[in-house]
Amino acid sequence: MSSESLDDEQLIARGLGGDEQALQSLLVRNIPALETFVRLRAPDLIGPRDSVADLAQSTCREILQDLGRFQTGGPAHIRAWVFETAARKLQHRRRPPLAQ
């Protein structure tokens, strides 16, 4: 059965079991919503330095790195985790650099 034919809960279970294809499919499904979230929450961060796609990709990379901390809770939980990760990333990018 291909990853595209699985629902989000099945993809989460497979992803947590080490199936990288399932994780990729799960993130790809969430990219349009993630890009909309970034576009609406951070229009000031979109420009020559970072595009919406760059910020979404960076968020997905961070999610994959932190996968071990994810606790299952269904599709709504993964989407909330995606948006929370993006919100933290955007907040971090807005912080002024530390004075040296």
C-alpha atoms as a PDB file:
ATOM      1  CA  MET A   1       0.000   0.000   0.000  1.00  0.00           C
ATOM      2  CA  SER A   2       1.476   3.356  -1.008  1.00  0.00           C
ATOM      3  CA  SER A   3       1.814   6.186   1.489  1.00  0.00           C
ATOM      4  CA  GLU A   4      -0.540   8.343  -0.585  1.00  0.00           C
ATOM      5  CA  SER A   5      -3.441   5.956   0.077  1.00  0.00           C
ATOM      6  CA  LEU A   6      -3.001   5.963   3.869  1.00  0.00           C
ATOM      7  CA  ASP A   7      -4.832   8.309   6.197  1.00  0.00           C
ATOM      8  CA  ASP A   8      -2.923  10.648   8.521  1.00  0.00           C
ATOM      9  CA  GLU A   9      -3.135   8.341  11.544  1.00  0.00           C
ATOM     10  CA  GLN A  10      -1.668   5.456   9.556  1.00  0.00           C
ATOM     11  CA  LEU A  11       1.105   7.716   8.259  1.00  0.00           C
ATOM     12  CA  ILE A  12       1.872   8.884  11.806  1.00  0.00           C
ATOM     13  CA  ALA A  13       2.077   5.289  13.059  1.00  0.00           C
ATOM     14  CA  ARG A  14       4.336   4.259  10.175  1.00  0.00           C
ATOM     15  CA  GLY A  15       6.466   7.373  10.525  1.00  0.00           C
ATOM     16  CA  LEU A  16       7.027   6.794  14.218  1.00  0.00           C
ATOM     17  CA  GLY A  17       7.963   3.232  13.287  1.00  0.00           C
ATOM     18  CA  GLY A  18      10.741   4.543  11.070  1.00  0.00           C
ATOM     19  CA  ASP A  19       9.025   4.761   7.670  1.00  0.00           C
ATOM     20  CA  GLU A  20      10.578   7.887   6.153  1.00  0.00           C
ATOM     21  CA  GLN A  21       8.280   7.762   3.100  1.00  0.00           C
ATOM     22  CA  ALA A  22       5.255   7.951   5.409  1.00  0.00           C
ATOM     23  CA  LEU A  23       6.707  10.977   7.204  1.00  0.00           C
ATOM     24  CA  GLN A  24       7.426  12.697   3.938  1.00  0.00           C
ATOM     25  CA  SER A  25       3.878  12.061   2.720  1.00  0.00           C
ATOM     26  CA  LEU A  26       2.443  13.385   5.984  1.00  0.00           C
ATOM     27  CA  LEU A  27       4.472  16.586   5.774  1.00  0.00           C
ATOM     28  CA  VAL A  28       3.673  17.062   2.079  1.00  0.00           C
ATOM     29  CA  ARG A  29      -0.043  16.884   2.930  1.00  0.00           C
ATOM     30  CA  ASN A  30       0.423  19.666   5.468  1.00  0.00           C
ATOM     31  CA  ILE A  31       2.616  21.992   3.384  1.00  0.00           C
ATOM     32  CA  PRO A  32      -0.246  23.997   1.756  1.00  0.00           C
ATOM     33  CA  ALA A  33      -1.771  24.763   5.170  1.00  0.00           C
ATOM     34  CA  LEU A  34       1.674  25.480   6.598  1.00  0.00           C
ATOM     35  CA  GLU A  35       2.522  27.899   3.789  1.00  0.00           C
ATOM     36  CA  THR A  36      -0.800  29.697   4.296  1.00  0.00           C
ATOM     37  CA  PHE A  37      -0.103  29.903   8.035  1.00  0.00           C
ATOM     38  CA  VAL A  38       3.344  31.409   7.408  1.00  0.00           C
ATOM     39  CA  ARG A  39       2.047  33.834   4.783  1.00  0.00           C
ATOM     40  CA  LEU A  40      -0.663  35.122   7.140  1.00  0.00           C
ATOM     41  CA  ARG A  41       1.406  35.191  10.326  1.00  0.00           C
ATOM     42  CA  ALA A  42       4.663  36.596   8.976  1.00  0.00           C
ATOM     43  CA  PRO A  43       4.307  38.722   5.865  1.00  0.00           C
ATOM     44  CA  ASP A  44       7.122  40.879   7.229  1.00  0.00           C
ATOM     45  CA  LEU A  45       9.524  37.907   7.145  1.00  0.00           C
ATOM     46  CA  ILE A  46       8.852  37.086   3.508  1.00  0.00           C
ATOM     47  CA  GLY A  47      11.194  38.778   1.113  1.00  0.00           C
ATOM     48  CA  PRO A  48      14.684  38.586  -0.286  1.00  0.00           C
ATOM     49  CA  ARG A  49      16.026  36.612   2.669  1.00  0.00           C
ATOM     50  CA  ASP A  50      13.293  33.981   3.066  1.00  0.00           C
ATOM     51  CA  SER A  51      10.305  32.902   1.007  1.00  0.00           C
ATOM     52  CA  VAL A  52       7.160  31.198   2.287  1.00  0.00           C
ATOM     53  CA  ALA A  53       8.463  27.922   0.856  1.00  0.00           C
ATOM     54  CA  ASP A  54      11.822  28.392   2.625  1.00  0.00           C
ATOM     55  CA  LEU A  55      10.139  28.955   5.983  1.00  0.00           C
ATOM     56  CA  ALA A  56       7.810  25.978   5.471  1.00  0.00           C
ATOM     57  CA  GLN A  57      10.719  23.732   4.472  1.00  0.00           C
ATOM     58  CA  SER A  58      12.728  24.860   7.481  1.00  0.00           C
ATOM     59  CA  THR A  59       9.767  24.052   9.729  1.00  0.00           C
ATOM     60  CA  CYS A  60       9.452  20.567   8.216  1.00  0.00           C
ATOM     61  CA  ARG A  61      13.177  19.962   8.724  1.00  0.00           C
ATOM     62  CA  GLU A  62      12.839  20.944  12.384  1.00  0.00           C
ATOM     63  CA  ILE A  63       9.851  18.627  12.809  1.00  0.00           C
ATOM     64  CA  LEU A  64      11.816  15.708  11.397  1.00  0.00           C
ATOM     65  CA  GLN A  65      14.704  16.459  13.760  1.00  0.00           C
ATOM     66  CA  ASP A  66      12.350  16.540  16.772  1.00  0.00           C
ATOM     67  CA  LEU A  67      10.258  13.541  15.770  1.00  0.00           C
ATOM     68  CA  GLY A  68      11.314  11.583  18.830  1.00  0.00           C
ATOM     69  CA  ARG A  69       9.423  14.079  21.025  1.00  0.00           C
ATOM     70  CA  PHE A  70       6.158  13.737  19.095  1.00  0.00           C
ATOM     71  CA  GLN A  71       3.322  12.041  20.935  1.00  0.00           C
ATOM     72  CA  THR A  72       0.525  10.550  18.886  1.00  0.00           C
ATOM     73  CA  GLY A  73      -2.845  12.168  19.083  1.00  0.00           C
ATOM     74  CA  GLY A  74      -4.238  11.906  15.598  1.00  0.00           C
ATOM     75  CA  PRO A  75      -4.253  14.206  12.573  1.00  0.00           C
ATOM     76  CA  ALA A  76      -5.328  17.297  14.518  1.00  0.00           C
ATOM     77  CA  HIS A  77      -2.376  16.796  16.849  1.00  0.00           C
ATOM     78  CA  ILE A  78       0.162  16.604  14.017  1.00  0.00           C
ATOM     79  CA  ARG A  79      -1.279  19.729  12.402  1.00  0.00           C
ATOM     80  CA  ALA A  80      -1.139  21.577  15.745  1.00  0.00           C
ATOM     81  CA  TRP A  81       2.476  20.447  16.162  1.00  0.00           C
ATOM     82  CA  VAL A  82       3.315  21.702  12.658  1.00  0.00           C
ATOM     83  CA  PHE A  83       1.731  25.101  13.350  1.00  0.00           C
ATOM     84  CA  GLU A  84       3.302  25.424  16.821  1.00  0.00           C
ATOM     85  CA  THR A  85       6.715  24.624  15.376  1.00  0.00           C
ATOM     86  CA  ALA A  86       6.213  27.236  12.653  1.00  0.00           C
ATOM     87  CA  ALA A  87       5.021  29.840  15.180  1.00  0.00           C
ATOM     88  CA  ARG A  88       8.137  29.283  17.350  1.00  0.00           C
ATOM     89  CA  LYS A  89      10.371  29.541  14.288  1.00  0.00           C
ATOM     90  CA  LEU A  90       8.718  32.804  13.206  1.00  0.00           C
ATOM     91  CA  GLN A  91       8.951  34.229  16.721  1.00  0.00           C
ATOM     92  CA  HIS A  92      12.642  33.321  16.860  1.00  0.00           C
ATOM     93  CA  ARG A  93      13.308  35.051  13.533  1.00  0.00           C
ATOM     94  CA  ARG A  94      11.671  38.228  14.797  1.00  0.00           C
ATOM     95  CA  ARG A  95      13.935  38.484  17.824  1.00  0.00           C
ATOM     96  CA  PRO A  96      16.603  41.121  17.524  1.00  0.00           C
ATOM     97  CA  PRO A  97      20.162  39.790  17.442  1.00  0.00           C
ATOM     98  CA  LEU A  98      21.951  39.723  20.764  1.00  0.00           C
ATOM     99  CA  ALA A  99      24.329  42.588  21.370  1.00  0.00           C
ATOM    100  CA  GLN A 100      27.946  41.533  21.581  1.00  0.00           C
END
